[in-house]
N, C-alpha and C. Protein backbone atom coordinates (compact mmCIF):
# COMPACT_ATOMS: atom_id res chain seq x y z
N UNK A 1 -9.03 5.57 22.58
CA UNK A 1 -10.13 6.37 22.96
C UNK A 1 -9.94 6.99 24.59
N UNK A 2 -10.76 8.10 24.68
CA UNK A 2 -10.63 8.22 25.94
C UNK A 2 -11.61 7.95 27.20
N UNK A 3 -10.93 7.54 28.47
CA UNK A 3 -11.89 7.14 29.32
C UNK A 3 -11.72 7.75 30.55
N UNK A 4 -12.90 8.70 31.17
CA UNK A 4 -12.75 9.46 32.22
C UNK A 4 -13.25 8.82 33.69
N UNK A 5 -11.78 8.57 34.36
CA UNK A 5 -12.13 7.96 35.73
C UNK A 5 -12.81 6.50 35.76
N UNK A 6 -13.01 6.03 34.41
CA UNK A 6 -13.76 4.65 34.12
C UNK A 6 -14.87 4.58 34.04
N UNK A 7 -15.77 5.81 34.41
CA UNK A 7 -17.17 6.08 34.53
C UNK A 7 -17.44 6.91 33.07
N UNK A 8 -16.61 7.57 32.06
CA UNK A 8 -16.83 8.16 31.40
C UNK A 8 -17.20 9.70 31.48
N UNK A 9 -17.61 10.50 30.37
CA UNK A 9 -17.74 11.86 30.42
C UNK A 9 -18.16 12.47 31.48
N UNK A 10 -19.65 11.82 31.75
CA UNK A 10 -20.54 12.27 32.45
C UNK A 10 -20.45 11.71 34.21
N UNK A 11 -19.54 10.91 34.20
CA UNK A 11 -19.54 10.42 35.57
C UNK A 11 -20.47 9.21 35.98
N UNK A 12 -20.50 8.58 37.10
CA UNK A 12 -20.88 7.39 37.30
C UNK A 12 -22.70 7.36 37.18
N UNK A 13 -23.04 8.15 37.24
CA UNK A 13 -24.66 8.28 37.02
C UNK A 13 -25.04 8.76 35.56
N UNK A 14 -24.16 9.24 34.74
CA UNK A 14 -24.20 9.63 33.68
C UNK A 14 -25.17 10.97 33.25
N UNK A 15 -25.74 11.43 32.49
CA UNK A 15 -26.41 12.59 32.08
C UNK A 15 -27.83 12.39 31.99
N UNK A 16 -28.42 12.95 32.78
CA UNK A 16 -29.80 12.68 32.86
C UNK A 16 -30.73 13.82 32.05
N UNK A 17 -31.35 13.73 30.72
CA UNK A 17 -32.09 14.46 29.93
C UNK A 17 -33.41 13.69 30.05
N UNK A 18 -34.38 14.41 30.93
CA UNK A 18 -35.89 13.78 31.27
C UNK A 18 -35.59 12.24 31.45
N UNK A 19 -36.42 11.67 30.67
CA UNK A 19 -35.99 10.13 30.85
C UNK A 19 -35.37 9.37 30.25
N UNK A 20 -34.33 9.86 29.41
CA UNK A 20 -33.19 9.47 28.82
C UNK A 20 -31.77 9.47 29.72
N UNK A 21 -30.87 8.60 29.66
CA UNK A 21 -30.11 8.80 30.43
C UNK A 21 -28.61 8.66 29.39
N UNK A 22 -27.51 9.50 29.02
CA UNK A 22 -26.70 9.67 28.18
C UNK A 22 -25.37 9.66 28.97
N UNK A 23 -24.56 8.57 28.35
CA UNK A 23 -23.42 8.29 28.80
C UNK A 23 -22.14 8.38 27.46
N UNK A 24 -21.26 8.43 27.90
CA UNK A 24 -20.00 8.84 26.43
C UNK A 24 -18.73 8.33 26.97
N UNK A 25 -17.88 7.75 26.66
CA UNK A 25 -16.44 7.49 26.49
C UNK A 25 -16.40 6.83 28.11
N UNK A 26 -16.79 5.51 28.11
CA UNK A 26 -16.57 4.78 29.52
C UNK A 26 -16.09 3.46 29.32
N UNK A 27 -15.34 2.97 29.99
CA UNK A 27 -14.81 1.72 30.08
C UNK A 27 -16.10 0.66 30.49
N UNK A 28 -15.88 -0.45 29.54
CA UNK A 28 -16.67 -1.78 29.36
C UNK A 28 -15.95 -2.81 30.25
N UNK A 29 -15.82 -3.36 31.58
CA UNK A 29 -14.83 -3.98 32.20
C UNK A 29 -15.41 -5.26 31.39
N UNK A 30 -16.27 -5.55 31.35
CA UNK A 30 -16.61 -6.94 31.07
C UNK A 30 -16.05 -7.53 29.24
N UNK A 31 -16.10 -6.68 28.91
CA UNK A 31 -15.55 -7.19 27.54
C UNK A 31 -14.17 -6.69 26.91
N UNK A 32 -13.44 -5.79 28.32
CA UNK A 32 -12.27 -4.93 27.93
C UNK A 32 -12.20 -3.86 26.99
N UNK A 33 -13.51 -3.50 26.65
CA UNK A 33 -13.49 -2.44 25.41
C UNK A 33 -14.24 -1.41 25.96
N UNK A 34 -14.60 -0.48 24.96
CA UNK A 34 -14.86 0.66 25.52
C UNK A 34 -16.50 1.01 25.06
N UNK A 35 -17.30 2.35 25.64
CA UNK A 35 -18.51 2.77 24.75
C UNK A 35 -18.26 4.43 24.43
N UNK A 36 -18.51 4.53 23.00
CA UNK A 36 -18.14 5.58 22.73
C UNK A 36 -19.46 6.45 23.08
N UNK A 37 -20.87 6.16 22.69
CA UNK A 37 -21.71 6.70 23.15
C UNK A 37 -22.77 6.27 23.62
N UNK A 38 -23.92 5.92 24.31
CA UNK A 38 -24.97 5.51 24.89
C UNK A 38 -26.02 6.57 25.34
N UNK A 39 -27.22 6.03 24.68
CA UNK A 39 -28.50 7.06 24.93
C UNK A 39 -29.24 5.35 25.72
N UNK A 40 -29.86 5.66 26.69
CA UNK A 40 -31.00 4.56 27.19
C UNK A 40 -32.14 5.76 27.65
N UNK A 41 -33.26 5.01 27.39
CA UNK A 41 -34.53 5.27 28.01
C UNK A 41 -35.49 4.42 27.92
N UNK A 42 -36.83 4.70 28.41
CA UNK A 42 -38.03 3.24 28.61
C UNK A 42 -38.25 3.09 27.06
N UNK A 43 -38.24 3.78 26.04
CA UNK A 43 -38.83 3.47 24.84
C UNK A 43 -37.69 3.41 23.90
N UNK A 44 -36.45 3.88 24.17
CA UNK A 44 -34.98 3.58 23.22
C UNK A 44 -33.58 3.44 23.62
N UNK A 45 -32.93 2.74 22.99
CA UNK A 45 -31.79 2.49 23.56
C UNK A 45 -30.82 2.53 22.15
N UNK A 46 -29.93 2.92 22.36
CA UNK A 46 -29.05 3.02 21.10
C UNK A 46 -27.38 3.22 21.73
N UNK A 47 -26.61 2.36 21.32
CA UNK A 47 -25.07 2.35 21.71
C UNK A 47 -24.33 2.06 20.89
N UNK A 48 -23.12 2.75 20.90
CA UNK A 48 -21.76 2.39 19.95
C UNK A 48 -20.74 1.99 20.68
N UNK A 49 -20.42 0.82 20.56
CA UNK A 49 -19.38 0.45 21.14
C UNK A 49 -17.71 0.02 20.55
N UNK A 50 -16.58 -0.44 21.14
CA UNK A 50 -15.52 -1.03 20.65
C UNK A 50 -15.16 -2.12 21.72
N UNK A 51 -15.37 -3.02 21.14
CA UNK A 51 -15.10 -4.11 21.97
C UNK A 51 -15.10 -5.68 21.37
N UNK A 52 -14.82 -6.41 22.14
CA UNK A 52 -15.16 -7.99 21.65
C UNK A 52 -16.16 -8.27 20.95
N UNK A 53 -16.28 -8.77 19.81
CA UNK A 53 -17.60 -9.05 18.76
C UNK A 53 -17.86 -10.28 19.30
N UNK A 54 -19.28 -10.82 19.26
CA UNK A 54 -19.54 -11.69 19.69
C UNK A 54 -19.38 -13.19 18.76
N UNK A 55 -19.30 -12.72 17.45
CA UNK A 55 -19.05 -13.93 16.44
C UNK A 55 -17.77 -14.23 16.35
N UNK A 56 -16.62 -13.63 15.73
CA UNK A 56 -15.58 -13.65 15.68
C UNK A 56 -14.52 -13.62 17.27
N UNK A 57 -15.03 -13.14 17.96
CA UNK A 57 -13.88 -12.88 19.21
C UNK A 57 -13.11 -11.66 19.18
N UNK A 58 -13.03 -11.06 17.97
CA UNK A 58 -11.88 -9.89 17.60
C UNK A 58 -12.35 -8.65 18.19
N UNK A 59 -11.52 -7.84 18.41
CA UNK A 59 -12.25 -6.23 18.83
C UNK A 59 -12.26 -5.65 17.80
N UNK A 60 -13.83 -4.69 17.81
CA UNK A 60 -14.01 -3.92 16.62
C UNK A 60 -15.43 -3.32 17.00
N UNK A 61 -15.74 -2.51 16.06
CA UNK A 61 -16.88 -1.16 16.64
C UNK A 61 -18.15 -2.07 16.34
N UNK A 62 -18.90 -1.55 16.91
CA UNK A 62 -20.54 -2.23 16.69
C UNK A 62 -21.13 -1.45 17.30
N UNK A 63 -22.92 -1.58 16.95
CA UNK A 63 -23.69 -0.64 17.40
C UNK A 63 -25.02 -1.69 17.92
N UNK A 64 -25.69 -1.29 18.62
CA UNK A 64 -27.00 -1.65 18.80
C UNK A 64 -28.12 -0.77 19.52
N UNK A 65 -29.33 -0.86 18.58
CA UNK A 65 -30.47 0.00 18.51
C UNK A 65 -31.65 -0.67 18.87
N UNK A 66 -32.44 -0.18 19.63
CA UNK A 66 -33.77 -0.59 20.17
C UNK A 66 -35.06 0.44 20.56
N UNK A 67 -35.89 0.30 19.90
CA UNK A 67 -36.93 1.14 20.34
C UNK A 67 -38.26 0.66 20.47
N UNK A 68 -39.24 1.42 20.91
CA UNK A 68 -40.67 0.64 20.91
C UNK A 68 -41.71 1.77 20.02
N UNK A 69 -42.39 1.07 19.66
CA UNK A 69 -43.64 1.78 18.82
C UNK A 69 -45.01 1.30 19.10
N UNK A 70 -46.06 1.94 19.36
CA UNK A 70 -47.28 1.04 19.69
C UNK A 70 -46.82 -0.18 20.49
N UNK A 71 -46.02 -0.19 21.55
CA UNK A 71 -46.18 -1.34 22.60
C UNK A 71 -45.58 -2.68 21.71
N UNK A 72 -44.61 -2.72 20.62
CA UNK A 72 -43.62 -3.29 19.73
C UNK A 72 -42.17 -2.87 19.87
N UNK A 73 -41.46 -3.68 20.33
CA UNK A 73 -40.21 -3.57 20.40
C UNK A 73 -39.68 -3.78 18.88
N UNK A 74 -39.07 -2.57 18.37
CA UNK A 74 -38.11 -2.74 17.16
C UNK A 74 -36.53 -2.80 17.42
N UNK A 75 -35.88 -3.37 16.51
CA UNK A 75 -34.32 -3.34 16.47
C UNK A 75 -33.91 -4.61 17.04
N UNK A 76 -32.75 -4.47 17.55
CA UNK A 76 -32.04 -6.30 18.26
C UNK A 76 -31.19 -5.40 19.23
N UNK A 77 -30.86 -6.49 20.27
CA UNK A 77 -29.45 -6.11 20.91
C UNK A 77 -28.80 -6.92 20.73
N UNK A 78 -28.66 -7.82 19.71
CA UNK A 78 -27.06 -8.28 18.83
C UNK A 78 -26.52 -7.14 18.26
N UNK A 79 -24.88 -7.51 18.45
CA UNK A 79 -24.15 -6.41 17.72
C UNK A 79 -24.20 -6.39 16.29
N UNK A 80 -24.09 -5.21 15.83
CA UNK A 80 -24.01 -5.27 14.16
C UNK A 80 -22.85 -4.34 14.29
N UNK A 81 -22.18 -4.25 13.21
CA UNK A 81 -20.81 -3.71 12.69
C UNK A 81 -21.19 -2.69 12.12
N UNK A 82 -22.23 -2.56 11.34
CA UNK A 82 -22.59 -0.92 10.75
C UNK A 82 -23.97 -0.64 11.58
N UNK A 83 -25.21 -1.12 11.40
CA UNK A 83 -26.47 -1.09 11.83
C UNK A 83 -27.25 -2.52 11.69
N UNK A 84 -28.22 -2.11 12.95
CA UNK A 84 -28.69 -3.78 13.28
C UNK A 84 -30.19 -3.62 12.34
N UNK A 85 -30.41 -4.53 11.80
CA UNK A 85 -31.68 -4.54 10.92
C UNK A 85 -33.10 -4.25 11.96
N UNK A 86 -33.98 -3.56 11.28
CA UNK A 86 -35.00 -3.10 12.14
C UNK A 86 -36.34 -4.51 11.61
N UNK A 87 -36.35 -4.94 12.76
CA UNK A 87 -37.14 -6.06 12.76
C UNK A 87 -37.92 -6.11 14.17
N UNK A 88 -39.33 -6.67 14.26
CA UNK A 88 -40.03 -6.76 15.41
C UNK A 88 -39.20 -7.64 16.32
N UNK A 89 -39.27 -7.64 17.67
CA UNK A 89 -38.76 -8.25 18.22
C UNK A 89 -39.93 -8.90 19.13
N UNK A 90 -40.32 -10.29 19.08
CA UNK A 90 -41.15 -11.25 20.03
C UNK A 90 -40.96 -10.94 21.30
N UNK A 91 -42.55 -10.75 21.72
CA UNK A 91 -42.28 -10.77 23.34
C UNK A 91 -42.25 -12.23 23.84
C-alpha cells in the first residue's frame, strides 16, 4: 500500500470538505498498519484499514462505521472484517 510522507495522500491535515475531513493512504504507527480511506465528521465516520485485528492479533483488512441520526449514534467503533452491524450505541 502506498504511504506518502507517512501522513497520506492529503498531507498531515487531510482534505477538508465542509465539516468533513478526508484522509487516504496513511500509516497508522500504533498498529503498524495502514489506512486506505477515512472520512470523519461531526455526524459520520467511516474508515477502511489494514492492520492488527483486535481478536486474533493477525494483520488484515477491517472497517469502522458510525453515524448519528436524531441524536442517536448508529454503528460501531469495533473492527469488522466486512462491515459492522447497524445497531444503536448506548449513551
